[in-house]
């Protein structure tokens, strides 16, 4: 079986569109280039790792990390 990997990934949130590329440390939010600080990569089990903080905070989501239960809570004002 052959694994097919995409070279870029899109994330949509309402009217916001984010594009990420494998091996790049930047992304685009609605066509504007943003530095994300680390490269997007495919891990050993074939899953693509995208930076959650950028996916959520750039279009206006708030990220809260629960240290005790290791939870992530995402909220957005409407």
PDB file of N, CA and C in Angstrom:
ATOM      1  N   UNK A   1       0.836  -1.174   0.000  1.00  0.00           N
ATOM      2  CA  UNK A   1       0.000   0.000   0.000  1.00  0.00           C
ATOM      3  C   UNK A   1       0.884   1.242   0.000  1.00  0.00           C
ATOM      4  N   UNK A   2       0.564   2.179  -0.841  1.00  0.00           N
ATOM      5  CA  UNK A   2       1.338   3.410  -0.966  1.00  0.00           C
ATOM      6  C   UNK A   2       0.663   4.526  -0.185  1.00  0.00           C
ATOM      7  N   UNK A   3       1.454   5.288   0.572  1.00  0.00           N
ATOM      8  CA  UNK A   3       0.944   6.431   1.313  1.00  0.00           C
ATOM      9  C   UNK A   3       1.039   7.676   0.448  1.00  0.00           C
ATOM     10  N   UNK A   4      -0.048   8.410   0.357  1.00  0.00           N
ATOM     11  CA  UNK A   4      -0.068   9.657  -0.398  1.00  0.00           C
ATOM     12  C   UNK A   4      -0.066  10.804   0.602  1.00  0.00           C
ATOM     13  N   UNK A   5       0.866  11.703   0.454  1.00  0.00           N
ATOM     14  CA  UNK A   5       0.952  12.863   1.346  1.00  0.00           C
ATOM     15  C   UNK A   5       0.719  14.134   0.550  1.00  0.00           C
ATOM     16  N   UNK A   6      -0.111  14.968   1.099  1.00  0.00           N
ATOM     17  CA  UNK A   6      -0.369  16.250   0.467  1.00  0.00           C
ATOM     18  C   UNK A   6       0.768  17.206   0.800  1.00  0.00           C
ATOM     19  N   UNK A   7       1.051  18.127  -0.090  1.00  0.00           N
ATOM     20  CA  UNK A   7       2.107  19.093   0.181  1.00  0.00           C
ATOM     21  C   UNK A   7       1.580  20.301   0.948  1.00  0.00           C
ATOM     22  N   UNK A   8       0.274  20.524   0.922  1.00  0.00           N
ATOM     23  CA  UNK A   8      -0.299  21.622   1.697  1.00  0.00           C
ATOM     24  C   UNK A   8      -1.651  21.202   2.262  1.00  0.00           C
ATOM     25  N   UNK A   9      -2.041  21.886   3.342  1.00  0.00           N
ATOM     26  CA  UNK A   9      -3.294  21.597   4.017  1.00  0.00           C
ATOM     27  C   UNK A   9      -4.051  22.890   4.241  1.00  0.00           C
ATOM     28  N   UNK A  10      -5.368  22.822   4.105  1.00  0.00           N
ATOM     29  CA  UNK A  10      -6.233  23.976   4.307  1.00  0.00           C
ATOM     30  C   UNK A  10      -7.066  23.770   5.552  1.00  0.00           C
ATOM     31  N   UNK A  11      -7.250  24.833   6.318  1.00  0.00           N
ATOM     32  CA  UNK A  11      -8.137  24.834   7.473  1.00  0.00           C
ATOM     33  C   UNK A  11      -9.066  26.025   7.290  1.00  0.00           C
ATOM     34  N   UNK A  12     -10.374  25.803   7.430  1.00  0.00           N
ATOM     35  CA  UNK A  12     -11.346  26.888   7.300  1.00  0.00           C
ATOM     36  C   UNK A  12     -12.074  27.068   8.625  1.00  0.00           C
ATOM     37  N   UNK A  13     -12.288  28.338   8.989  1.00  0.00           N
ATOM     38  CA  UNK A  13     -13.055  28.701  10.181  1.00  0.00           C
ATOM     39  C   UNK A  13     -13.905  29.902   9.808  1.00  0.00           C
ATOM     40  N   UNK A  14     -15.184  29.679   9.567  1.00  0.00           N
ATOM     41  CA  UNK A  14     -16.040  30.762   9.090  1.00  0.00           C
ATOM     42  C   UNK A  14     -15.545  31.247   7.742  1.00  0.00           C
ATOM     43  N   UNK A  15     -15.240  32.541   7.632  1.00  0.00           N
ATOM     44  CA  UNK A  15     -14.721  33.106   6.389  1.00  0.00           C
ATOM     45  C   UNK A  15     -13.199  33.061   6.307  1.00  0.00           C
ATOM     46  N   UNK A  16     -12.547  32.592   7.365  1.00  0.00           N
ATOM     47  CA  UNK A  16     -11.082  32.543   7.387  1.00  0.00           C
ATOM     48  C   UNK A  16     -10.575  31.257   6.734  1.00  0.00           C
ATOM     49  N   UNK A  17      -9.516  31.409   5.932  1.00  0.00           N
ATOM     50  CA  UNK A  17      -8.875  30.261   5.281  1.00  0.00           C
ATOM     51  C   UNK A  17      -7.391  30.276   5.619  1.00  0.00           C
ATOM     52  N   UNK A  18      -6.908  29.151   6.145  1.00  0.00           N
ATOM     53  CA  UNK A  18      -5.496  29.014   6.491  1.00  0.00           C
ATOM     54  C   UNK A  18      -4.885  27.917   5.632  1.00  0.00           C
ATOM     55  N   UNK A  19      -3.685  28.160   5.129  1.00  0.00           N
ATOM     56  CA  UNK A  19      -2.988  27.159   4.338  1.00  0.00           C
ATOM     57  C   UNK A  19      -1.618  26.914   4.955  1.00  0.00           C
ATOM     58  N   UNK A  20      -1.303  25.624   5.149  1.00  0.00           N
ATOM     59  CA  UNK A  20      -0.031  25.187   5.722  1.00  0.00           C
ATOM     60  C   UNK A  20       0.662  24.276   4.721  1.00  0.00           C
ATOM     61  N   UNK A  21       2.013  24.309   4.705  1.00  0.00           N
ATOM     62  CA  UNK A  21       2.802  23.462   3.815  1.00  0.00           C
ATOM     63  C   UNK A  21       3.738  22.572   4.623  1.00  0.00           C
ATOM     64  N   UNK A  22       3.862  21.317   4.213  1.00  0.00           N
ATOM     65  CA  UNK A  22       4.788  20.391   4.859  1.00  0.00           C
ATOM     66  C   UNK A  22       6.210  20.935   4.702  1.00  0.00           C
ATOM     67  N   UNK A  23       6.966  20.959   5.802  1.00  0.00           N
ATOM     68  CA  UNK A  23       8.361  21.393   5.777  1.00  0.00           C
ATOM     69  C   UNK A  23       8.571  22.895   5.822  1.00  0.00           C
ATOM     70  N   UNK A  24       7.488  23.671   5.925  1.00  0.00           N
ATOM     71  CA  UNK A  24       7.609  25.134   5.960  1.00  0.00           C
ATOM     72  C   UNK A  24       7.280  25.655   7.356  1.00  0.00           C
ATOM     73  N   UNK A  25       7.923  26.768   7.752  1.00  0.00           N
ATOM     74  CA  UNK A  25       7.663  27.367   9.058  1.00  0.00           C
ATOM     75  C   UNK A  25       6.805  28.623   8.938  1.00  0.00           C
ATOM     76  N   UNK A  26       6.000  28.679   7.891  1.00  0.00           N
ATOM     77  CA  UNK A  26       5.055  29.778   7.702  1.00  0.00           C
ATOM     78  C   UNK A  26       3.752  29.210   7.167  1.00  0.00           C
ATOM     79  N   UNK A  27       2.710  30.030   7.236  1.00  0.00           N
ATOM     80  CA  UNK A  27       1.404  29.669   6.704  1.00  0.00           C
ATOM     81  C   UNK A  27       0.784  30.930   6.128  1.00  0.00           C
ATOM     82  N   UNK A  28      -0.375  30.797   5.526  1.00  0.00           N
ATOM     83  CA  UNK A  28      -1.103  31.958   5.037  1.00  0.00           C
ATOM     84  C   UNK A  28      -2.484  31.984   5.675  1.00  0.00           C
ATOM     85  N   UNK A  29      -2.863  33.149   6.168  1.00  0.00           N
ATOM     86  CA  UNK A  29      -4.203  33.384   6.694  1.00  0.00           C
ATOM     87  C   UNK A  29      -4.869  34.375   5.758  1.00  0.00           C
ATOM     88  N   UNK A  30      -5.872  33.922   5.030  1.00  0.00           N
ATOM     89  CA  UNK A  30      -6.589  34.756   4.058  1.00  0.00           C
ATOM     90  C   UNK A  30      -5.626  35.429   3.088  1.00  0.00           C
ATOM     91  N   UNK A  31      -4.603  34.695   2.675  1.00  0.00           N
ATOM     92  CA  UNK A  31      -3.647  35.199   1.693  1.00  0.00           C
ATOM     93  C   UNK A  31      -2.479  35.974   2.268  1.00  0.00           C
ATOM     94  N   UNK A  32      -2.449  36.196   3.595  1.00  0.00           N
ATOM     95  CA  UNK A  32      -1.359  36.929   4.231  1.00  0.00           C
ATOM     96  C   UNK A  32      -0.410  35.944   4.903  1.00  0.00           C
ATOM     97  N   UNK A  33       0.868  36.026   4.561  1.00  0.00           N
ATOM     98  CA  UNK A  33       1.874  35.126   5.102  1.00  0.00           C
ATOM     99  C   UNK A  33       2.134  35.419   6.573  1.00  0.00           C
ATOM    100  N   UNK A  34       2.184  34.333   7.400  1.00  0.00           N
ATOM    101  CA  UNK A  34       2.436  34.437   8.835  1.00  0.00           C
ATOM    102  C   UNK A  34       3.506  33.421   9.223  1.00  0.00           C
ATOM    103  N   UNK A  35       4.475  33.840  10.034  1.00  0.00           N
ATOM    104  CA  UNK A  35       5.493  32.934  10.551  1.00  0.00           C
ATOM    105  C   UNK A  35       4.872  32.126  11.681  1.00  0.00           C
ATOM    106  N   UNK A  36       5.059  30.802  11.698  1.00  0.00           N
ATOM    107  CA  UNK A  36       4.486  29.974  12.757  1.00  0.00           C
ATOM    108  C   UNK A  36       5.547  29.423  13.705  1.00  0.00           C
ATOM    109  N   UNK A  37       6.813  29.721  13.484  1.00  0.00           N
ATOM    110  CA  UNK A  37       7.857  29.387  14.439  1.00  0.00           C
ATOM    111  C   UNK A  37       8.415  27.982  14.373  1.00  0.00           C
ATOM    112  N   UNK A  38       7.690  27.050  13.778  1.00  0.00           N
ATOM    113  CA  UNK A  38       8.210  25.693  13.618  1.00  0.00           C
ATOM    114  C   UNK A  38       7.624  25.099  12.346  1.00  0.00           C
ATOM    115  N   UNK A  39       8.302  24.097  11.817  1.00  0.00           N
ATOM    116  CA  UNK A  39       7.879  23.505  10.552  1.00  0.00           C
ATOM    117  C   UNK A  39       6.718  22.532  10.744  1.00  0.00           C
ATOM    118  N   UNK A  40       5.818  22.533   9.777  1.00  0.00           N
ATOM    119  CA  UNK A  40       4.759  21.538   9.714  1.00  0.00           C
ATOM    120  C   UNK A  40       5.417  20.238   9.265  1.00  0.00           C
ATOM    121  N   UNK A  41       5.037  19.122   9.889  1.00  0.00           N
ATOM    122  CA  UNK A  41       5.681  17.858   9.531  1.00  0.00           C
ATOM    123  C   UNK A  41       4.703  16.695   9.589  1.00  0.00           C
ATOM    124  N   UNK A  42       5.103  15.593   8.961  1.00  0.00           N
ATOM    125  CA  UNK A  42       4.366  14.339   9.032  1.00  0.00           C
ATOM    126  C   UNK A  42       5.150  13.447   9.982  1.00  0.00           C
ATOM    127  N   UNK A  43       4.487  12.954  11.055  1.00  0.00           N
ATOM    128  CA  UNK A  43       5.202  12.145  12.031  1.00  0.00           C
ATOM    129  C   UNK A  43       5.340  10.696  11.563  1.00  0.00           C
ATOM    130  N   UNK A  44       5.923   9.852  12.397  1.00  0.00           N
ATOM    131  CA  UNK A  44       6.251   8.480  11.993  1.00  0.00           C
ATOM    132  C   UNK A  44       5.034   7.611  11.695  1.00  0.00           C
ATOM    133  N   UNK A  45       3.869   7.953  12.251  1.00  0.00           N
ATOM    134  CA  UNK A  45       2.686   7.150  11.940  1.00  0.00           C
ATOM    135  C   UNK A  45       1.831   7.763  10.827  1.00  0.00           C
ATOM    136  N   UNK A  46       2.404   8.751  10.121  1.00  0.00           N
ATOM    137  CA  UNK A  46       1.743   9.318   8.952  1.00  0.00           C
ATOM    138  C   UNK A  46       0.779  10.453   9.228  1.00  0.00           C
ATOM    139  N   UNK A  47       0.732  10.928  10.449  1.00  0.00           N
ATOM    140  CA  UNK A  47      -0.159  12.040  10.781  1.00  0.00           C
ATOM    141  C   UNK A  47       0.560  13.367  10.612  1.00  0.00           C
ATOM    142  N   UNK A  48      -0.162  14.332  10.085  1.00  0.00           N
ATOM    143  CA  UNK A  48       0.406  15.661   9.889  1.00  0.00           C
ATOM    144  C   UNK A  48       0.241  16.477  11.163  1.00  0.00           C
ATOM    145  N   UNK A  49       1.326  17.108  11.607  1.00  0.00           N
ATOM    146  CA  UNK A  49       1.307  17.927  12.816  1.00  0.00           C
ATOM    147  C   UNK A  49       1.253  19.398  12.425  1.00  0.00           C
ATOM    148  N   UNK A  50       0.135  20.033  12.781  1.00  0.00           N
ATOM    149  CA  UNK A  50      -0.061  21.468  12.550  1.00  0.00           C
ATOM    150  C   UNK A  50      -0.090  22.162  13.899  1.00  0.00           C
ATOM    151  N   UNK A  51       0.381  23.407  13.974  1.00  0.00           N
ATOM    152  CA  UNK A  51       0.392  24.118  15.256  1.00  0.00           C
ATOM    153  C   UNK A  51      -1.016  24.578  15.656  1.00  0.00           C
ATOM    154  N   UNK A  52      -1.577  23.946  16.673  1.00  0.00           N
ATOM    155  CA  UNK A  52      -2.934  24.251  17.118  1.00  0.00           C
ATOM    156  C   UNK A  52      -3.110  25.721  17.484  1.00  0.00           C
ATOM    157  N   UNK A  53      -2.131  26.306  18.145  1.00  0.00           N
ATOM    158  CA  UNK A  53      -2.256  27.695  18.574  1.00  0.00           C
ATOM    159  C   UNK A  53      -2.498  28.617  17.371  1.00  0.00           C
ATOM    160  N   UNK A  54      -1.805  28.413  16.279  1.00  0.00           N
ATOM    161  CA  UNK A  54      -1.992  29.278  15.109  1.00  0.00           C
ATOM    162  C   UNK A  54      -3.324  29.006  14.424  1.00  0.00           C
ATOM    163  N   UNK A  55      -3.746  27.758  14.392  1.00  0.00           N
ATOM    164  CA  UNK A  55      -5.018  27.432  13.766  1.00  0.00           C
ATOM    165  C   UNK A  55      -6.164  28.105  14.506  1.00  0.00           C
ATOM    166  N   UNK A  56      -6.028  28.241  15.806  1.00  0.00           N
ATOM    167  CA  UNK A  56      -7.123  28.788  16.602  1.00  0.00           C
ATOM    168  C   UNK A  56      -7.019  30.283  16.876  1.00  0.00           C
ATOM    169  N   UNK A  57      -5.844  30.769  17.237  1.00  0.00           N
ATOM    170  CA  UNK A  57      -5.734  32.174  17.649  1.00  0.00           C
ATOM    171  C   UNK A  57      -5.772  33.166  16.496  1.00  0.00           C
ATOM    172  N   UNK A  58      -5.237  32.823  15.358  1.00  0.00           N
ATOM    173  CA  UNK A  58      -5.229  33.785  14.251  1.00  0.00           C
ATOM    174  C   UNK A  58      -6.627  34.200  13.820  1.00  0.00           C
ATOM    175  N   UNK A  59      -7.582  33.290  13.694  1.00  0.00           N
ATOM    176  CA  UNK A  59      -8.930  33.755  13.343  1.00  0.00           C
ATOM    177  C   UNK A  59      -9.758  34.204  14.545  1.00  0.00           C
ATOM    178  N   UNK A  60      -9.136  34.377  15.723  1.00  0.00           N
ATOM    179  CA  UNK A  60      -9.831  34.954  16.852  1.00  0.00           C
ATOM    180  C   UNK A  60     -10.319  33.993  17.920  1.00  0.00           C
ATOM    181  N   UNK A  61      -9.910  32.739  17.891  1.00  0.00           N
ATOM    182  CA  UNK A  61     -10.277  31.785  18.932  1.00  0.00           C
ATOM    183  C   UNK A  61      -9.355  31.971  20.127  1.00  0.00           C
ATOM    184  N   UNK A  62      -9.861  31.660  21.316  1.00  0.00           N
ATOM    185  CA  UNK A  62      -9.070  31.704  22.544  1.00  0.00           C
ATOM    186  C   UNK A  62      -8.736  30.268  22.942  1.00  0.00           C
ATOM    187  N   UNK A  63      -7.479  30.008  23.290  1.00  0.00           N
ATOM    188  CA  UNK A  63      -7.023  28.670  23.663  1.00  0.00           C
ATOM    189  C   UNK A  63      -6.695  28.649  25.149  1.00  0.00           C
ATOM    190  N   UNK A  64      -7.288  27.723  25.868  1.00  0.00           N
ATOM    191  CA  UNK A  64      -6.982  27.516  27.284  1.00  0.00           C
ATOM    192  C   UNK A  64      -6.474  26.086  27.455  1.00  0.00           C
ATOM    193  N   UNK A  65      -5.308  25.964  28.099  1.00  0.00           N
ATOM    194  CA  UNK A  65      -4.699  24.656  28.341  1.00  0.00           C
ATOM    195  C   UNK A  65      -4.996  24.240  29.768  1.00  0.00           C
ATOM    196  N   UNK A  66      -5.580  23.056  29.969  1.00  0.00           N
ATOM    197  CA  UNK A  66      -5.839  22.519  31.300  1.00  0.00           C
ATOM    198  C   UNK A  66      -4.663  21.660  31.737  1.00  0.00           C
ATOM    199  N   UNK A  67      -3.848  22.197  32.617  1.00  0.00           N
ATOM    200  CA  UNK A  67      -2.635  21.483  33.045  1.00  0.00           C
ATOM    201  C   UNK A  67      -2.941  20.177  33.778  1.00  0.00           C
ATOM    202  N   UNK A  68      -3.945  20.197  34.646  1.00  0.00           N
ATOM    203  CA  UNK A  68      -4.226  19.005  35.445  1.00  0.00           C
ATOM    204  C   UNK A  68      -4.774  17.852  34.613  1.00  0.00           C
ATOM    205  N   UNK A  69      -5.744  18.142  33.755  1.00  0.00           N
ATOM    206  CA  UNK A  69      -6.341  17.053  32.970  1.00  0.00           C
ATOM    207  C   UNK A  69      -5.863  17.028  31.519  1.00  0.00           C
ATOM    208  N   UNK A  70      -4.890  17.902  31.196  1.00  0.00           N
ATOM    209  CA  UNK A  70      -4.296  17.978  29.854  1.00  0.00           C
ATOM    210  C   UNK A  70      -5.351  18.214  28.766  1.00  0.00           C
ATOM    211  N   UNK A  71      -6.339  19.037  29.113  1.00  0.00           N
ATOM    212  CA  UNK A  71      -7.415  19.347  28.168  1.00  0.00           C
ATOM    213  C   UNK A  71      -7.108  20.628  27.402  1.00  0.00           C
ATOM    214  N   UNK A  72      -7.777  20.802  26.295  1.00  0.00           N
ATOM    215  CA  UNK A  72      -7.696  22.028  25.496  1.00  0.00           C
ATOM    216  C   UNK A  72      -9.121  22.528  25.302  1.00  0.00           C
ATOM    217  N   UNK A  73      -9.368  23.796  25.670  1.00  0.00           N
ATOM    218  CA  UNK A  73     -10.682  24.387  25.499  1.00  0.00           C
ATOM    219  C   UNK A  73     -10.572  25.539  24.509  1.00  0.00           C
ATOM    220  N   UNK A  74     -11.380  25.495  23.462  1.00  0.00           N
ATOM    221  CA  UNK A  74     -11.389  26.538  22.430  1.00  0.00           C
ATOM    222  C   UNK A  74     -12.703  27.317  22.528  1.00  0.00           C
ATOM    223  N   UNK A  75     -12.616  28.651  22.551  1.00  0.00           N
ATOM    224  CA  UNK A  75     -13.811  29.482  22.576  1.00  0.00           C
ATOM    225  C   UNK A  75     -13.641  30.623  21.585  1.00  0.00           C
ATOM    226  N   UNK A  76     -14.765  31.132  21.100  1.00  0.00           N
ATOM    227  CA  UNK A  76     -14.730  32.265  20.186  1.00  0.00           C
ATOM    228  C   UNK A  76     -15.956  33.122  20.433  1.00  0.00           C
ATOM    229  N   UNK A  77     -15.733  34.422  20.537  1.00  0.00           N
ATOM    230  CA  UNK A  77     -16.851  35.356  20.698  1.00  0.00           C
ATOM    231  C   UNK A  77     -17.627  35.435  19.402  1.00  0.00           C
ATOM    232  N   UNK A  78     -18.915  35.443  19.519  1.00  0.00           N
ATOM    233  CA  UNK A  78     -19.763  35.520  18.324  1.00  0.00           C
ATOM    234  C   UNK A  78     -20.415  36.865  18.225  1.00  0.00           C
TER     235      UNK A  78
END
